[in-house]
Amino acid sequence: MKHFLVTPAAGKRLIAWGMLEHPSIRRVLEKGTLVIIAGTTNGYIAEEILGQLGEDGFDRRGFHRGIIRPPYFRGESLDHEFQGDVVIRNGGWEPGITIFDVADELGRGDVVLKGANALEYSSRRAAVYIGNPMGGTVFPALQAAVGRKTELIVPVGLEKMIHGELDTIALKMNSAGTRGPGLLPVPGEVFTEVDALRLLAGVEAEPVGAGGVHGAEGSVHLLLEGSEGSLRHAEDILKRAGMERPYADF
């Protein structure tokens, strides 16, 4: 066993590398429609997938509909124009369209990736904030997933782990007396850094701590278990991911 620190930025890159090896992603890139709904973690995934397909012109800096920043942030110049979600049909990217344009066409064999804001790690459940009065992008994703059996995957970093039970928290956040966004638990396959490391290196990872300073704020500490060879492979992957700069620095 060996202990590693994973920053939020490294975690996003690690999740993206892991998604490249996900069986459903590999399958749908050959035949079917993949929709990557805009979000910061999904931006890393889209970057990796489009790079593998040899597609140019994607910029993850504008790949979000809303973004959470600290109160002291003064980097408005970092904002970039939103260009749409990433829709890939049979291995070809169709720029400039969104989940709303294709949701009614999605069905069995297709895949939607939707990020999350909260992770109940013990039960492998995630939830998203709802700020739009019409429900935002998660509603068409759920219609496709629940109504037409489209596969829904929820890539989410371990730094979003919460204490408590998601349904109970959602009841509080969605009550008439609460100000701020609502919260909706999502019935999709949760995919974290732990799942990425299992696919990439064949190791099992367990969150055992969190935090740090000088850029390590929000980090998770993972205890990895596996053969000597798999641990060496995981260490090489984590060293590469560990060089990922914070989101605002790129």
Protein backbone atom coordinates (compact mmCIF):
# COMPACT_ATOMS: atom_id res chain seq x y z
CA MET A 1 0.00 0.00 0.00
CA LYS A 2 1.10 3.56 -0.63
CA HIS A 3 -0.24 7.01 0.24
CA PHE A 4 -0.75 9.81 -2.33
CA LEU A 5 -2.12 13.36 -2.40
CA VAL A 6 -4.41 14.36 -5.27
CA THR A 7 -5.24 18.04 -5.84
CA PRO A 8 -8.63 18.99 -7.31
CA ALA A 9 -7.00 19.85 -10.67
CA ALA A 10 -5.05 16.58 -10.69
CA GLY A 11 -8.28 14.75 -9.84
CA LYS A 12 -10.08 16.29 -12.80
CA ARG A 13 -7.28 15.24 -15.16
CA LEU A 14 -7.17 11.77 -13.62
CA ILE A 15 -10.92 11.34 -14.06
CA ALA A 16 -10.55 12.43 -17.70
CA TRP A 17 -7.84 9.84 -18.34
CA GLY A 18 -9.99 7.21 -16.67
CA MET A 19 -13.01 8.06 -18.79
CA LEU A 20 -10.95 7.36 -21.91
CA GLU A 21 -10.70 3.75 -20.72
CA HIS A 22 -14.34 3.41 -19.66
CA PRO A 23 -15.96 0.60 -21.71
CA SER A 24 -19.09 2.65 -22.43
CA ILE A 25 -17.05 5.59 -23.72
CA ARG A 26 -14.93 3.38 -25.96
CA ARG A 27 -18.07 1.75 -27.33
CA VAL A 28 -20.08 4.91 -27.94
CA LEU A 29 -17.21 6.62 -29.75
CA GLU A 30 -17.43 3.86 -32.36
CA LYS A 31 -21.21 3.84 -32.64
CA GLY A 32 -23.72 6.07 -30.92
CA THR A 33 -24.04 9.56 -29.49
CA LEU A 34 -21.99 10.87 -26.60
CA VAL A 35 -23.11 14.11 -24.92
CA ILE A 36 -20.67 15.79 -22.53
CA ILE A 37 -22.64 18.45 -20.67
CA ALA A 38 -20.60 21.54 -19.89
CA GLY A 39 -18.86 21.68 -16.52
CA THR A 40 -15.31 22.10 -15.28
CA THR A 41 -14.56 18.41 -14.70
CA ASN A 42 -16.31 17.49 -17.94
CA GLY A 43 -14.12 20.06 -19.69
CA TYR A 44 -11.06 17.94 -18.94
CA ILE A 45 -12.91 14.86 -20.22
CA ALA A 46 -13.97 16.59 -23.43
CA GLU A 47 -10.42 17.83 -23.94
CA GLU A 48 -9.00 14.30 -23.65
CA ILE A 49 -11.66 12.62 -25.79
CA LEU A 50 -11.56 15.22 -28.56
CA GLY A 51 -7.77 15.10 -28.51
CA GLN A 52 -7.86 11.36 -28.97
CA LEU A 53 -10.25 11.80 -31.90
CA GLY A 54 -7.92 14.38 -33.48
CA GLU A 55 -10.49 17.17 -33.20
CA ASP A 56 -9.24 20.76 -32.87
CA GLY A 57 -10.88 23.94 -31.63
CA PHE A 58 -12.13 22.97 -28.19
CA ASP A 59 -11.37 25.35 -25.29
CA ARG A 60 -12.41 24.13 -21.84
CA ARG A 61 -12.06 27.62 -20.35
CA GLY A 62 -15.61 28.49 -21.45
CA PHE A 63 -17.03 25.03 -20.91
CA HIS A 64 -19.47 25.77 -18.11
CA ARG A 65 -22.83 27.43 -17.56
CA GLY A 66 -22.07 28.48 -14.01
CA ILE A 67 -18.89 28.41 -11.98
CA ILE A 68 -18.14 28.65 -8.27
CA ARG A 69 -15.34 31.01 -7.20
CA PRO A 70 -14.16 32.40 -3.87
CA PRO A 71 -15.42 35.84 -2.76
CA TYR A 72 -11.97 37.40 -3.28
CA PHE A 73 -11.66 36.25 -6.90
CA ARG A 74 -10.89 39.11 -9.31
CA GLY A 75 -10.24 37.30 -12.57
CA GLU A 76 -13.17 38.32 -14.73
CA SER A 77 -10.85 38.39 -17.74
CA LEU A 78 -10.65 34.60 -17.49
CA ASP A 79 -14.26 34.26 -18.63
CA HIS A 80 -14.68 32.85 -22.12
CA GLU A 81 -17.70 32.56 -24.38
CA PHE A 82 -19.78 29.42 -23.96
CA GLN A 83 -19.65 27.42 -27.21
CA GLY A 84 -22.11 24.67 -26.32
CA ASP A 85 -21.93 21.19 -24.88
CA VAL A 86 -19.82 18.56 -26.64
CA VAL A 87 -21.87 16.22 -28.84
CA ILE A 88 -20.04 13.39 -30.60
CA ARG A 89 -21.93 11.14 -33.04
CA ASN A 90 -20.23 7.96 -34.25
CA GLY A 91 -16.82 9.40 -33.42
CA GLY A 92 -17.39 12.82 -35.02
CA TRP A 93 -17.71 16.07 -33.03
CA GLU A 94 -20.61 18.38 -33.93
CA PRO A 95 -19.64 21.78 -32.47
CA GLY A 96 -22.05 24.47 -31.37
CA ILE A 97 -24.99 22.38 -30.14
CA THR A 98 -26.23 21.45 -26.67
CA ILE A 99 -27.99 18.69 -24.79
CA PHE A 100 -31.28 20.48 -25.52
CA ASP A 101 -30.74 20.04 -29.28
CA VAL A 102 -30.25 16.28 -29.14
CA ALA A 103 -32.00 15.06 -25.98
CA ASP A 104 -35.09 13.80 -27.81
CA GLU A 105 -32.92 11.70 -30.14
CA LEU A 106 -31.00 9.90 -27.40
CA GLY A 107 -31.78 6.29 -26.56
CA ARG A 108 -30.28 2.91 -25.76
CA GLY A 109 -26.58 2.74 -26.54
CA ASP A 110 -26.05 6.49 -26.18
CA VAL A 111 -24.20 8.07 -23.24
CA VAL A 112 -24.54 11.36 -21.35
CA LEU A 113 -21.90 12.73 -18.99
CA LYS A 114 -23.17 15.16 -16.37
CA GLY A 115 -21.06 16.58 -13.53
CA ALA A 116 -22.18 17.01 -9.93
CA ASN A 117 -21.85 19.31 -6.93
CA ALA A 118 -22.19 16.82 -4.08
CA LEU A 119 -21.00 13.25 -3.59
CA GLU A 120 -22.31 10.78 -1.01
CA TYR A 121 -19.33 8.49 -1.36
CA SER A 122 -20.49 5.64 0.87
CA SER A 123 -23.55 4.98 -1.32
CA ARG A 124 -21.96 6.08 -4.62
CA ARG A 125 -24.62 8.72 -5.21
CA ALA A 126 -24.23 12.26 -6.48
CA ALA A 127 -26.41 15.35 -6.72
CA VAL A 128 -26.43 18.55 -8.75
CA TYR A 129 -27.37 22.10 -7.90
CA ILE A 130 -30.46 23.42 -9.65
CA GLY A 131 -30.32 27.16 -10.24
CA ASN A 132 -32.49 27.34 -13.35
CA PRO A 133 -36.26 27.51 -12.63
CA MET A 134 -36.83 25.06 -15.51
CA GLY A 135 -34.36 22.55 -14.09
CA GLY A 136 -31.31 23.23 -16.26
CA THR A 137 -29.37 20.61 -18.22
CA VAL A 138 -29.97 17.72 -15.85
CA PHE A 139 -33.65 17.47 -16.78
CA PRO A 140 -33.19 16.53 -20.46
CA ALA A 141 -30.41 14.16 -19.36
CA LEU A 142 -32.78 12.45 -16.91
CA GLN A 143 -35.55 12.23 -19.49
CA ALA A 144 -33.19 10.39 -21.80
CA ALA A 145 -31.78 8.20 -19.02
CA VAL A 146 -35.02 7.24 -17.31
CA GLY A 147 -37.44 7.43 -20.23
CA ARG A 148 -35.29 6.00 -23.04
CA LYS A 149 -32.55 4.04 -21.22
CA THR A 150 -29.67 6.30 -22.25
CA GLU A 151 -26.63 5.62 -20.06
CA LEU A 152 -25.93 8.44 -17.59
CA ILE A 153 -22.45 8.75 -16.08
CA VAL A 154 -21.63 11.30 -13.38
CA PRO A 155 -17.92 12.21 -13.25
CA VAL A 156 -17.26 13.91 -9.90
CA GLY A 157 -14.15 14.62 -7.86
CA LEU A 158 -13.70 13.30 -4.34
CA GLU A 159 -13.29 16.85 -3.03
CA LYS A 160 -17.09 17.11 -3.38
CA MET A 161 -17.77 14.48 -0.72
CA ILE A 162 -20.38 15.60 1.80
CA HIS A 163 -21.37 14.42 5.27
CA GLY A 164 -24.97 13.40 5.64
CA GLU A 165 -27.55 11.76 3.43
CA LEU A 166 -28.33 13.33 0.04
CA ASP A 167 -32.09 12.88 0.14
CA THR A 168 -32.33 14.55 3.55
CA ILE A 169 -30.12 17.43 2.44
CA ALA A 170 -32.12 17.81 -0.79
CA LEU A 171 -35.36 18.11 1.19
CA LYS A 172 -33.85 21.01 3.14
CA MET A 173 -32.36 22.78 0.11
CA ASN A 174 -35.55 22.40 -1.93
CA SER A 175 -37.87 23.70 0.78
CA ALA A 176 -39.80 26.93 0.21
CA GLY A 177 -37.98 28.62 3.08
CA THR A 178 -34.47 28.06 1.71
CA ARG A 179 -32.69 30.64 -0.43
CA GLY A 180 -30.11 29.59 -3.00
CA PRO A 181 -29.99 26.68 -5.44
CA GLY A 182 -31.99 23.51 -5.16
CA LEU A 183 -30.37 20.07 -5.04
CA LEU A 184 -31.30 17.04 -7.10
CA PRO A 185 -29.84 13.55 -6.49
CA VAL A 186 -29.05 11.98 -9.86
CA PRO A 187 -29.51 8.26 -10.67
CA GLY A 188 -26.34 7.81 -12.72
CA GLU A 189 -23.07 5.89 -12.52
CA VAL A 190 -20.72 7.86 -10.28
CA PHE A 191 -17.13 7.98 -11.58
CA THR A 192 -14.38 9.35 -9.30
CA GLU A 193 -10.60 9.28 -9.06
CA VAL A 194 -10.96 5.88 -7.36
CA ASP A 195 -12.67 4.44 -10.44
CA ALA A 196 -10.11 6.07 -12.72
CA LEU A 197 -7.20 4.49 -10.87
CA ARG A 198 -8.88 1.10 -10.97
CA LEU A 199 -9.24 1.32 -14.76
CA LEU A 200 -5.85 2.91 -15.44
CA ALA A 201 -3.59 0.99 -13.07
CA GLY A 202 -5.56 -1.88 -11.58
CA VAL A 203 -5.24 -0.58 -8.03
CA GLU A 204 -7.81 -0.04 -5.29
CA ALA A 205 -7.86 3.42 -3.72
CA GLU A 206 -9.39 4.57 -0.45
CA PRO A 207 -9.83 8.21 0.69
CA VAL A 208 -8.05 8.54 4.04
CA GLY A 209 -7.58 12.30 4.53
CA ALA A 210 -7.94 15.71 2.94
CA GLY A 211 -6.48 19.19 2.72
CA GLY A 212 -3.21 21.02 2.40
CA VAL A 213 -1.78 24.47 1.65
CA HIS A 214 0.16 26.28 -1.11
CA GLY A 215 -2.19 24.93 -3.78
CA ALA A 216 -3.08 21.68 -2.06
CA GLU A 217 -6.26 23.12 -0.52
CA GLY A 218 -9.18 20.83 -1.30
CA SER A 219 -6.91 17.88 -1.97
CA VAL A 220 -7.86 14.32 -1.11
CA HIS A 221 -5.38 11.80 0.29
CA LEU A 222 -5.65 8.30 -1.17
CA LEU A 223 -4.27 5.03 0.14
CA LEU A 224 -3.60 2.75 -2.83
CA GLU A 225 -3.42 -1.01 -2.65
CA GLY A 226 -2.17 -3.38 -5.35
CA SER A 227 0.78 -5.33 -6.65
CA GLU A 228 4.21 -3.70 -6.78
CA GLY A 229 3.90 -3.27 -10.52
CA SER A 230 0.43 -1.76 -10.37
CA LEU A 231 1.48 0.62 -7.60
CA ARG A 232 4.45 1.80 -9.65
CA HIS A 233 2.15 2.34 -12.62
CA ALA A 234 -0.32 4.27 -10.45
CA GLU A 235 2.51 6.39 -9.03
CA ASP A 236 3.65 7.33 -12.54
CA ILE A 237 0.10 8.32 -13.46
CA LEU A 238 -0.35 10.36 -10.29
CA LYS A 239 2.98 12.13 -10.78
CA ARG A 240 1.85 13.25 -14.23
CA ALA A 241 -1.56 14.29 -12.96
CA GLY A 242 0.06 16.06 -10.02
CA MET A 243 1.67 18.57 -12.38
CA GLU A 244 -1.76 19.84 -13.43
CA ARG A 245 -2.01 23.54 -12.63
CA PRO A 246 -5.05 24.93 -10.75
CA TYR A 247 -8.04 25.62 -12.98
CA ALA A 248 -7.58 29.39 -13.14
CA ASP A 249 -3.89 29.14 -14.04
CA PHE A 250 -4.10 27.57 -17.46
